[in-house]
């Protein structure tokens, strides 16, 4: 294993509003790949390079995002700042069981032009030089057709150079014009993935797979497939072997936001350090179990280890 991996995570961070029981709103920042980037950097520490790839505006919220990312040790050299643009915004509402409902304002978000501007050219050229490229289904949705096409070319070149491509399926129907458009985009990318971190419910919603066996059968060309199933056992197929890793029990779930993102971060960090799939899944369960006991996507820095 590379002791000093260079990792680029591609996606969107938004302004996050947490709707609290008293009716007040708490403002922070979040997004699936950004959450994973933060937790991944915390898990790997200073020996790694974890860069975030996105586009923001030139507003004060974008300034604050960059300041927060820098404080977490994330690299910002692949972040574009587009004049006159803004980041997206979302609000989290949770029920008594900690289950989430999201309200989004993101149609004009700067990230939609992440790979279409002249400033994207050096970023696209640099991405194949990383050891690991990480993206999600939300990444595919927000980049749009042109951005996806350019990203796909990057993934092909990166793998030719020996990089690993990691994909978290994170399917959000409202981000797509229709299910067929989403399926086509996913299938194109999944042909170039080395590690697939899949949520079973999302696979069912997108492709209609009835059970885990159908999911595994759908991806014969992917060496390592991890099937996340919430509070149930995690199922893994790696190099033809199968593994079952029980989740960590939690007495009270406060907020499931970033449960899957944090699991993915700890799983990937463990694998990059040479851990087995079982060890990696247990690390993922442990981190996710802490994340779902607090409100919001990111644990305070002193609570994430």
C-alpha atoms as a PDB file:
ATOM      1  CA  UNK A   1       0.000   0.000   0.000  1.00  0.00           C
ATOM      2  CA  UNK A   2       1.113   3.573  -0.695  1.00  0.00           C
ATOM      3  CA  UNK A   3       2.028   5.065   2.721  1.00  0.00           C
ATOM      4  CA  UNK A   4       1.250   8.585   1.487  1.00  0.00           C
ATOM      5  CA  UNK A   5      -1.782   8.301  -0.810  1.00  0.00           C
ATOM      6  CA  UNK A   6      -2.980  11.231  -2.888  1.00  0.00           C
ATOM      7  CA  UNK A   7      -6.771  11.246  -2.978  1.00  0.00           C
ATOM      8  CA  UNK A   8      -9.175  13.550  -4.809  1.00  0.00           C
ATOM      9  CA  UNK A   9     -12.869  13.607  -3.938  1.00  0.00           C
ATOM     10  CA  UNK A  10     -15.159  15.171  -6.529  1.00  0.00           C
ATOM     11  CA  UNK A  11     -18.530  16.649  -5.709  1.00  0.00           C
ATOM     12  CA  UNK A  12     -20.568  19.357  -4.064  1.00  0.00           C
ATOM     13  CA  UNK A  13     -20.672  21.010  -0.659  1.00  0.00           C
ATOM     14  CA  UNK A  14     -23.711  23.084   0.260  1.00  0.00           C
ATOM     15  CA  UNK A  15     -24.881  25.415   2.972  1.00  0.00           C
ATOM     16  CA  UNK A  16     -26.595  23.186   5.535  1.00  0.00           C
ATOM     17  CA  UNK A  17     -29.514  24.305   7.705  1.00  0.00           C
ATOM     18  CA  UNK A  18     -30.561  22.009  10.558  1.00  0.00           C
ATOM     19  CA  UNK A  19     -34.214  22.490  11.506  1.00  0.00           C
ATOM     20  CA  UNK A  20     -34.365  22.082  15.276  1.00  0.00           C
ATOM     21  CA  UNK A  21     -37.282  21.105  17.488  1.00  0.00           C
ATOM     22  CA  UNK A  22     -37.775  24.642  18.785  1.00  0.00           C
ATOM     23  CA  UNK A  23     -38.144  25.952  15.231  1.00  0.00           C
ATOM     24  CA  UNK A  24     -34.674  27.521  15.045  1.00  0.00           C
ATOM     25  CA  UNK A  25     -32.173  26.847  12.262  1.00  0.00           C
ATOM     26  CA  UNK A  26     -28.514  25.994  12.803  1.00  0.00           C
ATOM     27  CA  UNK A  27     -26.256  26.797   9.832  1.00  0.00           C
ATOM     28  CA  UNK A  28     -23.253  24.698   8.842  1.00  0.00           C
ATOM     29  CA  UNK A  29     -21.909  23.070   5.662  1.00  0.00           C
ATOM     30  CA  UNK A  30     -22.297  19.584   4.219  1.00  0.00           C
ATOM     31  CA  UNK A  31     -22.457  17.343   1.192  1.00  0.00           C
ATOM     32  CA  UNK A  32     -21.870  13.641   0.698  1.00  0.00           C
ATOM     33  CA  UNK A  33     -18.389  13.689  -0.830  1.00  0.00           C
ATOM     34  CA  UNK A  34     -17.311  16.613   1.362  1.00  0.00           C
ATOM     35  CA  UNK A  35     -18.407  14.706   4.463  1.00  0.00           C
ATOM     36  CA  UNK A  36     -16.386  11.723   3.284  1.00  0.00           C
ATOM     37  CA  UNK A  37     -13.380  13.923   2.515  1.00  0.00           C
ATOM     38  CA  UNK A  38     -13.371  15.386   6.024  1.00  0.00           C
ATOM     39  CA  UNK A  39     -13.698  12.035   7.752  1.00  0.00           C
ATOM     40  CA  UNK A  40     -11.141  10.467   5.425  1.00  0.00           C
ATOM     41  CA  UNK A  41      -8.587  13.175   6.227  1.00  0.00           C
ATOM     42  CA  UNK A  42      -9.256  12.739   9.948  1.00  0.00           C
ATOM     43  CA  UNK A  43      -8.803   8.964   9.652  1.00  0.00           C
ATOM     44  CA  UNK A  44      -5.627   9.071   7.557  1.00  0.00           C
ATOM     45  CA  UNK A  45      -3.991  12.086   9.157  1.00  0.00           C
ATOM     46  CA  UNK A  46      -1.227  14.269   7.818  1.00  0.00           C
ATOM     47  CA  UNK A  47       0.534  11.449   5.925  1.00  0.00           C
ATOM     48  CA  UNK A  48      -2.111  11.642   3.220  1.00  0.00           C
ATOM     49  CA  UNK A  49      -3.145  14.252   0.662  1.00  0.00           C
ATOM     50  CA  UNK A  50      -6.915  14.661   0.518  1.00  0.00           C
ATOM     51  CA  UNK A  51      -8.016  17.256  -2.041  1.00  0.00           C
ATOM     52  CA  UNK A  52     -11.565  18.370  -2.659  1.00  0.00           C
ATOM     53  CA  UNK A  53     -12.651  19.077  -6.244  1.00  0.00           C
ATOM     54  CA  UNK A  54     -15.620  21.398  -6.707  1.00  0.00           C
ATOM     55  CA  UNK A  55     -16.730  24.871  -7.774  1.00  0.00           C
ATOM     56  CA  UNK A  56     -17.944  27.639  -5.464  1.00  0.00           C
ATOM     57  CA  UNK A  57     -18.900  31.274  -5.767  1.00  0.00           C
ATOM     58  CA  UNK A  58     -17.066  34.393  -4.633  1.00  0.00           C
ATOM     59  CA  UNK A  59     -19.447  35.027  -1.707  1.00  0.00           C
ATOM     60  CA  UNK A  60     -18.904  34.958   2.047  1.00  0.00           C
ATOM     61  CA  UNK A  61     -20.417  31.477   2.429  1.00  0.00           C
ATOM     62  CA  UNK A  62     -17.943  30.117  -0.096  1.00  0.00           C
ATOM     63  CA  UNK A  63     -15.141  31.869   1.778  1.00  0.00           C
ATOM     64  CA  UNK A  64     -16.273  30.239   5.005  1.00  0.00           C
ATOM     65  CA  UNK A  65     -16.440  26.820   3.365  1.00  0.00           C
ATOM     66  CA  UNK A  66     -12.873  27.096   2.149  1.00  0.00           C
ATOM     67  CA  UNK A  67     -11.694  28.248   5.556  1.00  0.00           C
ATOM     68  CA  UNK A  68     -13.391  25.279   7.211  1.00  0.00           C
ATOM     69  CA  UNK A  69     -11.942  22.806   4.713  1.00  0.00           C
ATOM     70  CA  UNK A  70      -8.464  24.218   5.169  1.00  0.00           C
ATOM     71  CA  UNK A  71      -8.833  23.865   8.941  1.00  0.00           C
ATOM     72  CA  UNK A  72      -9.579  20.164   8.384  1.00  0.00           C
ATOM     73  CA  UNK A  73      -6.434  19.743   6.291  1.00  0.00           C
ATOM     74  CA  UNK A  74      -8.178  19.384   2.929  1.00  0.00           C
ATOM     75  CA  UNK A  75      -6.353  20.601  -0.156  1.00  0.00           C
ATOM     76  CA  UNK A  76      -8.090  23.476  -1.955  1.00  0.00           C
ATOM     77  CA  UNK A  77      -6.009  23.788  -5.119  1.00  0.00           C
ATOM     78  CA  UNK A  78      -8.739  21.995  -7.133  1.00  0.00           C
ATOM     79  CA  UNK A  79     -11.524  24.304  -5.918  1.00  0.00           C
ATOM     80  CA  UNK A  80     -12.708  26.828  -8.500  1.00  0.00           C
ATOM     81  CA  UNK A  81     -14.200  30.147  -7.388  1.00  0.00           C
ATOM     82  CA  UNK A  82     -16.672  31.436  -9.987  1.00  0.00           C
ATOM     83  CA  UNK A  83     -17.507  35.166  -9.883  1.00  0.00           C
ATOM     84  CA  UNK A  84     -21.136  35.975  -9.189  1.00  0.00           C
ATOM     85  CA  UNK A  85     -22.089  32.403  -8.342  1.00  0.00           C
ATOM     86  CA  UNK A  86     -23.287  30.820  -5.099  1.00  0.00           C
ATOM     87  CA  UNK A  87     -23.148  27.370  -3.474  1.00  0.00           C
ATOM     88  CA  UNK A  88     -26.289  25.284  -3.115  1.00  0.00           C
ATOM     89  CA  UNK A  89     -28.336  25.151   0.088  1.00  0.00           C
ATOM     90  CA  UNK A  90     -30.296  22.436   1.857  1.00  0.00           C
ATOM     91  CA  UNK A  91     -32.323  22.039   5.033  1.00  0.00           C
ATOM     92  CA  UNK A  92     -32.441  18.866   7.146  1.00  0.00           C
ATOM     93  CA  UNK A  93     -35.621  17.958   8.988  1.00  0.00           C
ATOM     94  CA  UNK A  94     -35.596  14.842  11.186  1.00  0.00           C
ATOM     95  CA  UNK A  95     -38.438  12.843  12.702  1.00  0.00           C
ATOM     96  CA  UNK A  96     -38.624  11.234  16.147  1.00  0.00           C
ATOM     97  CA  UNK A  97     -36.658   8.208  14.878  1.00  0.00           C
ATOM     98  CA  UNK A  98     -33.825  10.303  13.456  1.00  0.00           C
ATOM     99  CA  UNK A  99     -34.834   9.723   9.839  1.00  0.00           C
ATOM    100  CA  UNK A 100     -34.089  12.567   7.465  1.00  0.00           C
ATOM    101  CA  UNK A 101     -36.050  14.736   5.078  1.00  0.00           C
ATOM    102  CA  UNK A 102     -34.112  17.109   2.824  1.00  0.00           C
ATOM    103  CA  UNK A 103     -35.259  20.353   1.198  1.00  0.00           C
ATOM    104  CA  UNK A 104     -32.909  21.614  -1.537  1.00  0.00           C
ATOM    105  CA  UNK A 105     -32.115  24.917  -3.269  1.00  0.00           C
ATOM    106  CA  UNK A 106     -29.338  24.051  -5.705  1.00  0.00           C
ATOM    107  CA  UNK A 107     -30.385  24.580  -9.336  1.00  0.00           C
ATOM    108  CA  UNK A 108     -28.012  27.521  -9.844  1.00  0.00           C
ATOM    109  CA  UNK A 109     -25.153  26.147  -7.726  1.00  0.00           C
ATOM    110  CA  UNK A 110     -21.663  26.894  -9.032  1.00  0.00           C
ATOM    111  CA  UNK A 111     -20.706  23.206  -9.024  1.00  0.00           C
ATOM    112  CA  UNK A 112     -22.885  22.651 -12.088  1.00  0.00           C
ATOM    113  CA  UNK A 113     -20.128  24.345 -14.112  1.00  0.00           C
ATOM    114  CA  UNK A 114     -17.284  22.617 -12.309  1.00  0.00           C
ATOM    115  CA  UNK A 115     -15.922  20.929 -15.449  1.00  0.00           C
ATOM    116  CA  UNK A 116     -17.175  23.306 -18.148  1.00  0.00           C
ATOM    117  CA  UNK A 117     -15.138  26.461 -17.431  1.00  0.00           C
ATOM    118  CA  UNK A 118     -11.666  27.333 -18.778  1.00  0.00           C
ATOM    119  CA  UNK A 119     -10.430  27.022 -15.196  1.00  0.00           C
ATOM    120  CA  UNK A 120     -11.420  23.360 -15.219  1.00  0.00           C
ATOM    121  CA  UNK A 121      -8.789  22.429 -17.804  1.00  0.00           C
ATOM    122  CA  UNK A 122      -5.761  22.207 -15.465  1.00  0.00           C
ATOM    123  CA  UNK A 123      -7.871  20.433 -12.857  1.00  0.00           C
ATOM    124  CA  UNK A 124      -9.028  17.777 -15.316  1.00  0.00           C
ATOM    125  CA  UNK A 125      -5.442  17.345 -16.475  1.00  0.00           C
ATOM    126  CA  UNK A 126      -4.224  16.842 -12.909  1.00  0.00           C
ATOM    127  CA  UNK A 127      -6.832  14.347 -11.716  1.00  0.00           C
ATOM    128  CA  UNK A 128      -5.380  11.239 -13.433  1.00  0.00           C
ATOM    129  CA  UNK A 129      -2.215  11.753 -11.371  1.00  0.00           C
ATOM    130  CA  UNK A 130      -3.927  10.896  -8.074  1.00  0.00           C
ATOM    131  CA  UNK A 131      -3.772   7.471  -6.423  1.00  0.00           C
ATOM    132  CA  UNK A 132      -7.503   7.432  -5.667  1.00  0.00           C
ATOM    133  CA  UNK A 133     -10.435   9.255  -7.243  1.00  0.00           C
ATOM    134  CA  UNK A 134     -13.670   9.262  -5.256  1.00  0.00           C
ATOM    135  CA  UNK A 135     -17.103  10.301  -6.513  1.00  0.00           C
ATOM    136  CA  UNK A 136     -20.760   9.589  -5.880  1.00  0.00           C
ATOM    137  CA  UNK A 137     -24.088   9.373  -7.601  1.00  0.00           C
ATOM    138  CA  UNK A 138     -24.762  12.919  -6.449  1.00  0.00           C
ATOM    139  CA  UNK A 139     -21.538  13.976  -8.177  1.00  0.00           C
ATOM    140  CA  UNK A 140     -22.869  12.511 -11.413  1.00  0.00           C
ATOM    141  CA  UNK A 141     -26.179  14.336 -11.043  1.00  0.00           C
ATOM    142  CA  UNK A 142     -24.870  17.818 -10.257  1.00  0.00           C
ATOM    143  CA  UNK A 143     -22.150  17.832 -12.931  1.00  0.00           C
ATOM    144  CA  UNK A 144     -24.641  17.491 -15.776  1.00  0.00           C
ATOM    145  CA  UNK A 145     -24.145  15.672 -19.068  1.00  0.00           C
ATOM    146  CA  UNK A 146     -21.093  17.639 -20.246  1.00  0.00           C
ATOM    147  CA  UNK A 147     -19.373  17.432 -16.896  1.00  0.00           C
ATOM    148  CA  UNK A 148     -20.047  13.705 -16.647  1.00  0.00           C
ATOM    149  CA  UNK A 149     -18.563  13.086 -20.075  1.00  0.00           C
ATOM    150  CA  UNK A 150     -15.378  14.930 -19.143  1.00  0.00           C
ATOM    151  CA  UNK A 151     -15.167  13.155 -15.803  1.00  0.00           C
ATOM    152  CA  UNK A 152     -15.580   9.770 -17.463  1.00  0.00           C
ATOM    153  CA  UNK A 153     -12.555  10.444 -19.663  1.00  0.00           C
ATOM    154  CA  UNK A 154     -10.574  11.336 -16.540  1.00  0.00           C
ATOM    155  CA  UNK A 155     -11.542   8.062 -14.845  1.00  0.00           C
ATOM    156  CA  UNK A 156     -10.424   6.031 -17.842  1.00  0.00           C
ATOM    157  CA  UNK A 157      -7.050   7.760 -17.981  1.00  0.00           C
ATOM    158  CA  UNK A 158      -6.561   7.568 -14.217  1.00  0.00           C
ATOM    159  CA  UNK A 159      -7.084   3.811 -14.153  1.00  0.00           C
ATOM    160  CA  UNK A 160      -4.687   3.399 -17.050  1.00  0.00           C
ATOM    161  CA  UNK A 161      -2.099   5.124 -14.869  1.00  0.00           C
ATOM    162  CA  UNK A 162      -2.830   2.787 -11.959  1.00  0.00           C
ATOM    163  CA  UNK A 163      -5.266   4.867  -9.913  1.00  0.00           C
ATOM    164  CA  UNK A 164      -8.219   3.330  -8.085  1.00  0.00           C
ATOM    165  CA  UNK A 165     -11.713   4.700  -8.664  1.00  0.00           C
ATOM    166  CA  UNK A 166     -14.113   4.589  -5.706  1.00  0.00           C
ATOM    167  CA  UNK A 167     -17.844   5.168  -6.191  1.00  0.00           C
ATOM    168  CA  UNK A 168     -20.631   5.623  -3.637  1.00  0.00           C
ATOM    169  CA  UNK A 169     -24.015   5.183  -5.316  1.00  0.00           C
ATOM    170  CA  UNK A 170     -25.978   7.840  -3.292  1.00  0.00           C
ATOM    171  CA  UNK A 171     -29.024   7.993  -5.577  1.00  0.00           C
ATOM    172  CA  UNK A 172     -31.291  11.016  -5.197  1.00  0.00           C
ATOM    173  CA  UNK A 173     -34.220  10.805  -7.672  1.00  0.00           C
ATOM    174  CA  UNK A 174     -35.041  14.527  -7.502  1.00  0.00           C
ATOM    175  CA  UNK A 175     -31.643  15.390  -9.000  1.00  0.00           C
ATOM    176  CA  UNK A 176     -32.399  13.513 -12.228  1.00  0.00           C
ATOM    177  CA  UNK A 177     -34.759  14.183 -15.124  1.00  0.00           C
ATOM    178  CA  UNK A 178     -35.876  10.560 -14.900  1.00  0.00           C
ATOM    179  CA  UNK A 179     -34.786   7.144 -13.740  1.00  0.00           C
ATOM    180  CA  UNK A 180     -33.526   6.071 -17.169  1.00  0.00           C
ATOM    181  CA  UNK A 181     -31.171   9.053 -17.378  1.00  0.00           C
ATOM    182  CA  UNK A 182     -29.795   8.157 -13.968  1.00  0.00           C
ATOM    183  CA  UNK A 183     -29.379   4.491 -14.862  1.00  0.00           C
ATOM    184  CA  UNK A 184     -27.452   5.336 -18.007  1.00  0.00           C
ATOM    185  CA  UNK A 185     -25.104   7.688 -16.164  1.00  0.00           C
ATOM    186  CA  UNK A 186     -24.478   5.164 -13.392  1.00  0.00           C
ATOM    187  CA  UNK A 187     -23.821   2.310 -15.809  1.00  0.00           C
ATOM    188  CA  UNK A 188     -21.291   4.346 -17.744  1.00  0.00           C
ATOM    189  CA  UNK A 189     -19.309   5.112 -14.588  1.00  0.00           C
ATOM    190  CA  UNK A 190     -19.639   1.690 -12.956  1.00  0.00           C
ATOM    191  CA  UNK A 191     -17.668   0.181 -15.844  1.00  0.00           C
ATOM    192  CA  UNK A 192     -14.638   2.087 -14.533  1.00  0.00           C
ATOM    193  CA  UNK A 193     -14.929   1.487 -10.776  1.00  0.00           C
ATOM    194  CA  UNK A 194     -12.556  -0.541  -8.578  1.00  0.00           C
ATOM    195  CA  UNK A 195     -14.368  -0.158  -5.247  1.00  0.00           C
ATOM    196  CA  UNK A 196     -18.150   0.278  -5.164  1.00  0.00           C
ATOM    197  CA  UNK A 197     -19.690   1.427  -1.880  1.00  0.00           C
ATOM    198  CA  UNK A 198     -23.365   0.757  -2.453  1.00  0.00           C
ATOM    199  CA  UNK A 199     -26.388   1.441  -0.277  1.00  0.00           C
ATOM    200  CA  UNK A 200     -28.844  -1.412  -0.777  1.00  0.00           C
ATOM    201  CA  UNK A 201     -31.926   0.841  -0.633  1.00  0.00           C
ATOM    202  CA  UNK A 202     -30.486   3.072  -3.362  1.00  0.00           C
ATOM    203  CA  UNK A 203     -29.750   0.071  -5.597  1.00  0.00           C
ATOM    204  CA  UNK A 204     -33.323  -1.071  -5.137  1.00  0.00           C
ATOM    205  CA  UNK A 205     -34.731   2.381  -5.907  1.00  0.00           C
ATOM    206  CA  UNK A 206     -32.574   2.963  -8.978  1.00  0.00           C
ATOM    207  CA  UNK A 207     -32.312  -0.460 -10.595  1.00  0.00           C
ATOM    208  CA  UNK A 208     -35.077  -2.426  -8.905  1.00  0.00           C
ATOM    209  CA  UNK A 209     -32.795  -5.135  -7.515  1.00  0.00           C
ATOM    210  CA  UNK A 210     -34.769  -7.313  -5.133  1.00  0.00           C
ATOM    211  CA  UNK A 211     -31.939  -8.432  -2.837  1.00  0.00           C
ATOM    212  CA  UNK A 212     -28.202  -8.421  -2.227  1.00  0.00           C
ATOM    213  CA  UNK A 213     -27.591 -11.343  -4.579  1.00  0.00           C
ATOM    214  CA  UNK A 214     -29.018  -9.380  -7.481  1.00  0.00           C
ATOM    215  CA  UNK A 215     -26.825  -6.419  -6.580  1.00  0.00           C
ATOM    216  CA  UNK A 216     -23.657  -8.497  -6.493  1.00  0.00           C
ATOM    217  CA  UNK A 217     -24.614 -10.235  -9.746  1.00  0.00           C
ATOM    218  CA  UNK A 218     -25.051  -6.865 -11.455  1.00  0.00           C
ATOM    219  CA  UNK A 219     -21.370  -5.925 -11.030  1.00  0.00           C
ATOM    220  CA  UNK A 220     -19.205  -8.889 -12.047  1.00  0.00           C
ATOM    221  CA  UNK A 221     -16.414  -6.606 -13.260  1.00  0.00           C
ATOM    222  CA  UNK A 222     -15.945  -4.676 -10.011  1.00  0.00           C
ATOM    223  CA  UNK A 223     -13.321  -6.297  -7.790  1.00  0.00           C
ATOM    224  CA  UNK A 224     -14.630  -4.969  -4.472  1.00  0.00           C
ATOM    225  CA  UNK A 225     -18.313  -4.342  -3.795  1.00  0.00           C
ATOM    226  CA  UNK A 226     -19.500  -3.208  -0.363  1.00  0.00           C
ATOM    227  CA  UNK A 227     -23.225  -3.308   0.319  1.00  0.00           C
ATOM    228  CA  UNK A 228     -24.275  -0.913   3.097  1.00  0.00           C
ATOM    229  CA  UNK A 229     -27.579  -1.840   4.741  1.00  0.00           C
ATOM    230  CA  UNK A 230     -28.083   0.630   7.576  1.00  0.00           C
ATOM    231  CA  UNK A 231     -28.397  -1.110  10.931  1.00  0.00           C
ATOM    232  CA  UNK A 232     -28.146  -4.545   9.283  1.00  0.00           C
ATOM    233  CA  UNK A 233     -25.001  -6.484   8.436  1.00  0.00           C
ATOM    234  CA  UNK A 234     -22.664  -5.058   5.804  1.00  0.00           C
ATOM    235  CA  UNK A 235     -22.061  -7.476   2.922  1.00  0.00           C
ATOM    236  CA  UNK A 236     -18.810  -7.497   0.959  1.00  0.00           C
ATOM    237  CA  UNK A 237     -17.526  -9.287  -2.132  1.00  0.00           C
ATOM    238  CA  UNK A 238     -13.808  -8.850  -2.739  1.00  0.00           C
ATOM    239  CA  UNK A 239     -11.764 -10.852  -5.261  1.00  0.00           C
ATOM    240  CA  UNK A 240     -14.451 -13.541  -5.303  1.00  0.00           C
ATOM    241  CA  UNK A 241     -14.658 -13.887  -1.520  1.00  0.00           C
ATOM    242  CA  UNK A 242     -17.709 -12.979   0.571  1.00  0.00           C
ATOM    243  CA  UNK A 243     -17.741 -11.355   4.004  1.00  0.00           C
ATOM    244  CA  UNK A 244     -20.504 -10.407   6.451  1.00  0.00           C
ATOM    245  CA  UNK A 245     -19.769  -7.738   9.078  1.00  0.00           C
ATOM    246  CA  UNK A 246     -22.423  -6.875  11.694  1.00  0.00           C
ATOM    247  CA  UNK A 247     -23.240  -3.238  12.385  1.00  0.00           C
ATOM    248  CA  UNK A 248     -22.550  -1.572  15.725  1.00  0.00           C
ATOM    249  CA  UNK A 249     -25.703  -1.285  17.829  1.00  0.00           C
ATOM    250  CA  UNK A 250     -26.795   2.228  18.833  1.00  0.00           C
ATOM    251  CA  UNK A 251     -29.280   2.826  21.628  1.00  0.00           C
ATOM    252  CA  UNK A 252     -30.672   6.128  20.334  1.00  0.00           C
ATOM    253  CA  UNK A 253     -30.347   7.456  16.798  1.00  0.00           C
ATOM    254  CA  UNK A 254     -30.407  11.251  16.701  1.00  0.00           C
ATOM    255  CA  UNK A 255     -29.710  11.994  13.016  1.00  0.00           C
ATOM    256  CA  UNK A 256     -28.702   9.593  10.231  1.00  0.00           C
ATOM    257  CA  UNK A 257     -27.157  12.368   8.118  1.00  0.00           C
ATOM    258  CA  UNK A 258     -23.704  11.301   6.834  1.00  0.00           C
ATOM    259  CA  UNK A 259     -23.974   7.776   8.219  1.00  0.00           C
ATOM    260  CA  UNK A 260     -23.090   6.283   4.849  1.00  0.00           C
ATOM    261  CA  UNK A 261     -20.538   8.991   4.064  1.00  0.00           C
ATOM    262  CA  UNK A 262     -18.632   8.395   7.288  1.00  0.00           C
ATOM    263  CA  UNK A 263     -18.790   4.613   6.832  1.00  0.00           C
ATOM    264  CA  UNK A 264     -17.280   5.010   3.368  1.00  0.00           C
ATOM    265  CA  UNK A 265     -14.497   7.241   4.688  1.00  0.00           C
ATOM    266  CA  UNK A 266     -13.466   4.859   7.456  1.00  0.00           C
ATOM    267  CA  UNK A 267     -13.746   1.841   5.146  1.00  0.00           C
ATOM    268  CA  UNK A 268     -11.547   3.422   2.497  1.00  0.00           C
ATOM    269  CA  UNK A 269      -9.024   4.695   5.040  1.00  0.00           C
ATOM    270  CA  UNK A 270      -8.651   1.228   6.515  1.00  0.00           C
ATOM    271  CA  UNK A 271      -8.195  -0.381   3.112  1.00  0.00           C
ATOM    272  CA  UNK A 272      -5.583   2.224   2.131  1.00  0.00           C
ATOM    273  CA  UNK A 273      -3.684   1.384   5.323  1.00  0.00           C
ATOM    274  CA  UNK A 274      -3.713  -2.305   4.431  1.00  0.00           C
ATOM    275  CA  UNK A 275      -6.704  -3.431   6.482  1.00  0.00           C
ATOM    276  CA  UNK A 276      -8.818  -6.390   5.398  1.00  0.00           C
ATOM    277  CA  UNK A 277     -12.360  -5.869   4.116  1.00  0.00           C
ATOM    278  CA  UNK A 278     -13.699  -7.099   7.464  1.00  0.00           C
ATOM    279  CA  UNK A 279     -11.484  -4.697   9.408  1.00  0.00           C
ATOM    280  CA  UNK A 280     -12.475  -1.871   7.086  1.00  0.00           C
ATOM    281  CA  UNK A 281     -16.195  -2.552   7.466  1.00  0.00           C
ATOM    282  CA  UNK A 282     -15.897  -2.668  11.252  1.00  0.00           C
ATOM    283  CA  UNK A 283     -14.079   0.684  11.179  1.00  0.00           C
ATOM    284  CA  UNK A 284     -16.886   2.042   9.010  1.00  0.00           C
ATOM    285  CA  UNK A 285     -19.568   0.795  11.373  1.00  0.00           C
ATOM    286  CA  UNK A 286     -17.788   2.259  14.391  1.00  0.00           C
ATOM    287  CA  UNK A 287     -17.485   5.729  12.903  1.00  0.00           C
ATOM    288  CA  UNK A 288     -21.019   5.741  11.514  1.00  0.00           C
ATOM    289  CA  UNK A 289     -22.398   4.667  14.902  1.00  0.00           C
ATOM    290  CA  UNK A 290     -20.915   7.802  16.467  1.00  0.00           C
ATOM    291  CA  UNK A 291     -22.054  10.084  13.668  1.00  0.00           C
ATOM    292  CA  UNK A 292     -25.724   9.087  13.955  1.00  0.00           C
ATOM    293  CA  UNK A 293     -25.793   9.954  17.652  1.00  0.00           C
ATOM    294  CA  UNK A 294     -25.336  13.682  16.995  1.00  0.00           C
ATOM    295  CA  UNK A 295     -27.173  16.232  14.858  1.00  0.00           C
ATOM    296  CA  UNK A 296     -25.695  17.218  11.519  1.00  0.00           C
ATOM    297  CA  UNK A 297     -23.191  15.700   9.130  1.00  0.00           C
ATOM    298  CA  UNK A 298     -19.842  16.300  10.851  1.00  0.00           C
ATOM    299  CA  UNK A 299     -18.790  15.359  14.345  1.00  0.00           C
ATOM    300  CA  UNK A 300     -16.826  17.981  16.238  1.00  0.00           C
ATOM    301  CA  UNK A 301     -13.166  17.352  15.497  1.00  0.00           C
ATOM    302  CA  UNK A 302     -12.387  16.108  19.016  1.00  0.00           C
ATOM    303  CA  UNK A 303     -15.214  13.514  18.852  1.00  0.00           C
ATOM    304  CA  UNK A 304     -14.395  11.793  15.549  1.00  0.00           C
ATOM    305  CA  UNK A 305     -11.511   9.587  16.702  1.00  0.00           C
END
